[in-house]
């Protein structure tokens, strides 16, 4: 790499010198041609044309070196740009991997919390169902206790000599919780 650069710098500095030397030698040949006889001029012209015509057909070594050095410079710049883009892509990739790892840990934590919340909801539903069955059981016990109280109340009323409607007592004893208050409003004789 270093040798190529040294060679390119050397070529770049030699090209202008060669061009200057080539230009001065053409001027001398034109002067010598002008001072010669016409037959020699035509020979020199044909020789000069032959070399001049062949030159445009294929580039000289210097022109090829300049062209290759320009191509090398362009390709070097493109390679540098591609390296920079590669570094940017690698940095972005690293950033995305870090972000993905963080999000993955957050996702695991959220899944864990959701599983715990789901377990808690299941437990609460079980407790709610147990509470409902307990309440229904307590309601049945309250009804049976109220019925027993009403029967006892009716017996006390009979003993005290009050008149009790058996139809009304039978209908009220199987009624709602408030039936005890209604039965206490019966009249005494």
Protein backbone atom coordinates (compact mmCIF):
# COMPACT_ATOMS: atom_id res chain seq x y z
CA UNK A 1 0.00 0.00 0.00
CA UNK A 2 2.81 2.38 0.96
CA UNK A 3 4.83 1.37 -2.12
CA UNK A 4 1.87 2.08 -4.39
CA UNK A 5 1.46 5.56 -2.91
CA UNK A 6 5.16 6.31 -3.34
CA UNK A 7 4.95 5.13 -6.94
CA UNK A 8 1.88 7.28 -7.59
CA UNK A 9 3.50 10.36 -6.07
CA UNK A 10 6.61 9.74 -8.15
CA UNK A 11 4.55 9.35 -11.32
CA UNK A 12 2.49 12.43 -10.54
CA UNK A 13 5.68 14.49 -10.17
CA UNK A 14 7.34 13.01 -13.30
CA UNK A 15 4.36 13.50 -15.62
CA UNK A 16 4.60 17.32 -15.76
CA UNK A 17 8.37 17.09 -16.32
CA UNK A 18 7.97 14.67 -19.19
CA UNK A 19 5.28 16.82 -20.75
CA UNK A 20 7.54 19.87 -20.57
CA UNK A 21 10.46 17.98 -22.08
CA UNK A 22 8.25 16.58 -24.84
CA UNK A 23 6.93 20.03 -25.73
CA UNK A 24 10.41 21.54 -26.04
CA UNK A 25 11.67 18.69 -28.23
CA UNK A 26 8.75 19.20 -30.65
CA UNK A 27 9.61 22.86 -30.97
CA UNK A 28 13.21 21.98 -31.87
CA UNK A 29 12.09 19.49 -34.47
CA UNK A 30 9.79 22.07 -36.02
CA UNK A 31 12.69 24.52 -36.22
CA UNK A 32 14.99 21.96 -37.81
CA UNK A 33 12.26 20.97 -40.23
CA UNK A 34 11.72 24.56 -41.29
CA UNK A 35 15.43 25.00 -42.03
CA UNK A 36 15.73 21.79 -44.16
CA UNK A 37 15.00 21.12 -47.71
CA UNK A 38 11.40 20.23 -48.81
CA UNK A 39 12.10 16.55 -49.46
CA UNK A 40 13.34 16.05 -45.93
CA UNK A 41 10.35 17.99 -44.61
CA UNK A 42 7.91 15.60 -46.29
CA UNK A 43 9.77 12.61 -44.87
CA UNK A 44 9.82 14.13 -41.42
CA UNK A 45 6.13 14.96 -41.77
CA UNK A 46 5.23 11.42 -42.72
CA UNK A 47 7.30 10.06 -39.83
CA UNK A 48 5.81 12.61 -37.44
CA UNK A 49 2.27 11.81 -38.65
CA UNK A 50 2.85 8.12 -38.29
CA UNK A 51 3.84 8.57 -34.63
CA UNK A 52 1.18 11.18 -34.01
CA UNK A 53 -1.59 9.04 -35.49
CA UNK A 54 -0.58 5.97 -33.54
CA UNK A 55 -0.42 7.88 -30.24
CA UNK A 56 -4.15 8.66 -29.98
CA UNK A 57 -5.05 5.05 -30.67
CA UNK A 58 -3.51 3.69 -27.45
CA UNK A 59 -2.71 5.64 -24.30
CA UNK A 60 0.86 6.06 -23.24
CA UNK A 61 2.24 4.54 -20.08
CA UNK A 62 2.05 7.89 -18.32
CA UNK A 63 -1.59 8.38 -19.28
CA UNK A 64 -2.39 4.83 -18.18
CA UNK A 65 -0.62 5.45 -14.86
CA UNK A 66 -2.55 8.70 -14.35
CA UNK A 67 -5.82 7.01 -15.21
CA UNK A 68 -5.08 4.11 -12.89
CA UNK A 69 -4.06 6.46 -10.11
CA UNK A 70 -7.34 8.35 -10.52
CA UNK A 71 -9.27 5.09 -10.43
CA UNK A 72 -7.30 4.02 -7.38
CA UNK A 73 -8.09 7.32 -5.65
CA UNK A 74 -11.81 6.96 -6.44
CA UNK A 75 -11.87 3.36 -5.27
CA UNK A 76 -9.97 4.30 -2.10
CA UNK A 77 -12.56 6.98 -1.33
CA UNK A 78 -15.39 4.54 -2.01
CA UNK A 79 -13.74 1.95 0.22
CA UNK A 80 -13.37 4.53 2.99
CA UNK A 81 -17.05 5.50 2.63
CA UNK A 82 -18.08 1.85 2.70
CA UNK A 83 -15.96 1.24 5.82
CA UNK A 84 -17.61 4.22 7.49
CA UNK A 85 -21.07 2.95 6.52
CA UNK A 86 -20.14 -0.50 7.79
CA UNK A 87 -19.05 0.99 11.11
CA UNK A 88 -22.30 2.93 11.34
CA UNK A 89 -24.34 -0.18 10.58
CA UNK A 90 -22.34 -2.18 13.14
CA UNK A 91 -22.90 0.52 15.78
CA UNK A 92 -26.63 0.62 14.99
CA UNK A 93 -26.75 -3.17 15.15
CA UNK A 94 -25.05 -3.13 18.55
CA UNK A 95 -27.47 -0.46 19.77
CA UNK A 96 -30.46 -2.51 18.57
CA UNK A 97 -29.10 -5.65 20.21
CA UNK A 98 -28.73 -3.80 23.51
CA UNK A 99 -32.23 -2.39 23.19
CA UNK A 100 -33.60 -5.84 22.32
CA UNK A 101 -31.93 -7.33 25.40
CA UNK A 102 -33.46 -4.64 27.61
CA UNK A 103 -36.88 -5.13 26.07
CA UNK A 104 -36.56 -8.88 26.43
CA UNK A 105 -35.86 -8.55 30.15
CA UNK A 106 -38.81 -6.16 30.49
CA UNK A 107 -41.01 -8.63 28.62
CA UNK A 108 -39.98 -11.46 30.93
CA UNK A 109 -40.72 -9.28 33.96
CA UNK A 110 -44.14 -8.33 32.54
CA UNK A 111 -44.94 -11.99 31.83
CA UNK A 112 -43.94 -12.91 35.37
CA UNK A 113 -46.14 -10.15 36.80
CA UNK A 114 -49.05 -11.21 34.59
CA UNK A 115 -48.69 -14.81 35.74
CA UNK A 116 -48.71 -13.65 39.38
CA UNK A 117 -51.75 -11.45 38.74
CA UNK A 118 -53.51 -14.35 37.03
CA UNK A 119 -52.80 -16.63 39.99
CA UNK A 120 -54.10 -13.94 42.35
CA UNK A 121 -57.29 -13.58 40.29
CA UNK A 122 -57.84 -17.34 40.37
CA UNK A 123 -57.33 -17.37 44.13
CA UNK A 124 -59.73 -14.44 44.57
CA UNK A 125 -62.36 -16.16 42.42
CA UNK A 126 -62.07 -19.29 44.56
CA UNK A 127 -62.42 -17.18 47.71
CA UNK A 128 -65.40 -15.35 46.21
CA UNK A 129 -67.12 -18.63 45.41
CA UNK A 130 -66.42 -19.85 48.96
CA UNK A 131 -67.81 -16.60 50.35
CA UNK A 132 -70.95 -16.96 48.20
CA UNK A 133 -71.53 -20.49 49.45
CA UNK A 134 -70.93 -19.30 53.03
CA UNK A 135 -73.41 -16.44 52.59
CA UNK A 136 -75.99 -18.79 51.10
CA UNK A 137 -75.42 -21.17 54.01
CA UNK A 138 -75.74 -18.34 56.51
CA UNK A 139 -78.93 -17.18 54.78
CA UNK A 140 -80.41 -20.65 55.09
CA UNK A 141 -79.37 -20.78 58.75
CA UNK A 142 -80.91 -17.34 59.31
CA UNK A 143 -84.15 -18.48 57.70
CA UNK A 144 -84.31 -21.60 59.79
CA UNK A 145 -83.48 -19.59 62.94
CA UNK A 146 -86.18 -17.06 62.05
CA UNK A 147 -88.65 -19.84 61.46
CA UNK A 148 -87.78 -21.32 64.84
CA UNK A 149 -88.19 -17.89 66.47
CA UNK A 150 -91.56 -17.40 64.80
CA UNK A 151 -92.77 -20.78 65.92
CA UNK A 152 -91.63 -20.02 69.42
CA UNK A 153 -93.32 -16.63 69.25
CA UNK A 154 -96.56 -18.23 68.10
CA UNK A 155 -96.37 -20.71 70.94
CA UNK A 156 -95.82 -17.88 73.42
CA UNK A 157 -98.78 -16.02 71.98
CA UNK A 158 -100.97 -19.09 72.30
CA UNK A 159 -99.88 -19.58 75.88
CA UNK A 160 -100.64 -15.95 76.66
CA UNK A 161 -104.04 -16.39 75.12
CA UNK A 162 -103.74 -14.53 71.89
CA UNK A 163 -105.45 -15.58 68.74
CA UNK A 164 -103.19 -16.70 65.99
CA UNK A 165 -104.21 -17.24 62.43
CA UNK A 166 -102.61 -20.48 61.38
CA UNK A 167 -102.84 -19.56 57.70
CA UNK A 168 -101.19 -16.22 58.31
CA UNK A 169 -98.60 -17.81 60.60
CA UNK A 170 -97.82 -20.54 58.09
CA UNK A 171 -97.47 -18.04 55.22
CA UNK A 172 -95.32 -15.67 57.22
CA UNK A 173 -93.01 -18.28 58.64
CA UNK A 174 -91.88 -19.27 55.18
CA UNK A 175 -91.55 -15.61 54.05
CA UNK A 176 -88.68 -13.22 54.01
CA UNK A 177 -86.41 -12.10 56.84
CA UNK A 178 -88.76 -9.28 57.78
CA UNK A 179 -91.55 -11.69 58.67
CA UNK A 180 -90.55 -11.71 62.37
CA UNK A 181 -91.30 -8.01 62.63
CA UNK A 182 -94.66 -8.47 60.94
CA UNK A 183 -95.63 -11.35 63.21
CA UNK A 184 -94.89 -9.30 66.31
CA UNK A 185 -97.60 -6.86 65.32
CA UNK A 186 -100.33 -9.50 65.83
CA UNK A 187 -102.97 -8.64 68.36
CA UNK A 188 -103.30 -10.07 71.88
CA UNK A 189 -106.71 -11.10 73.32
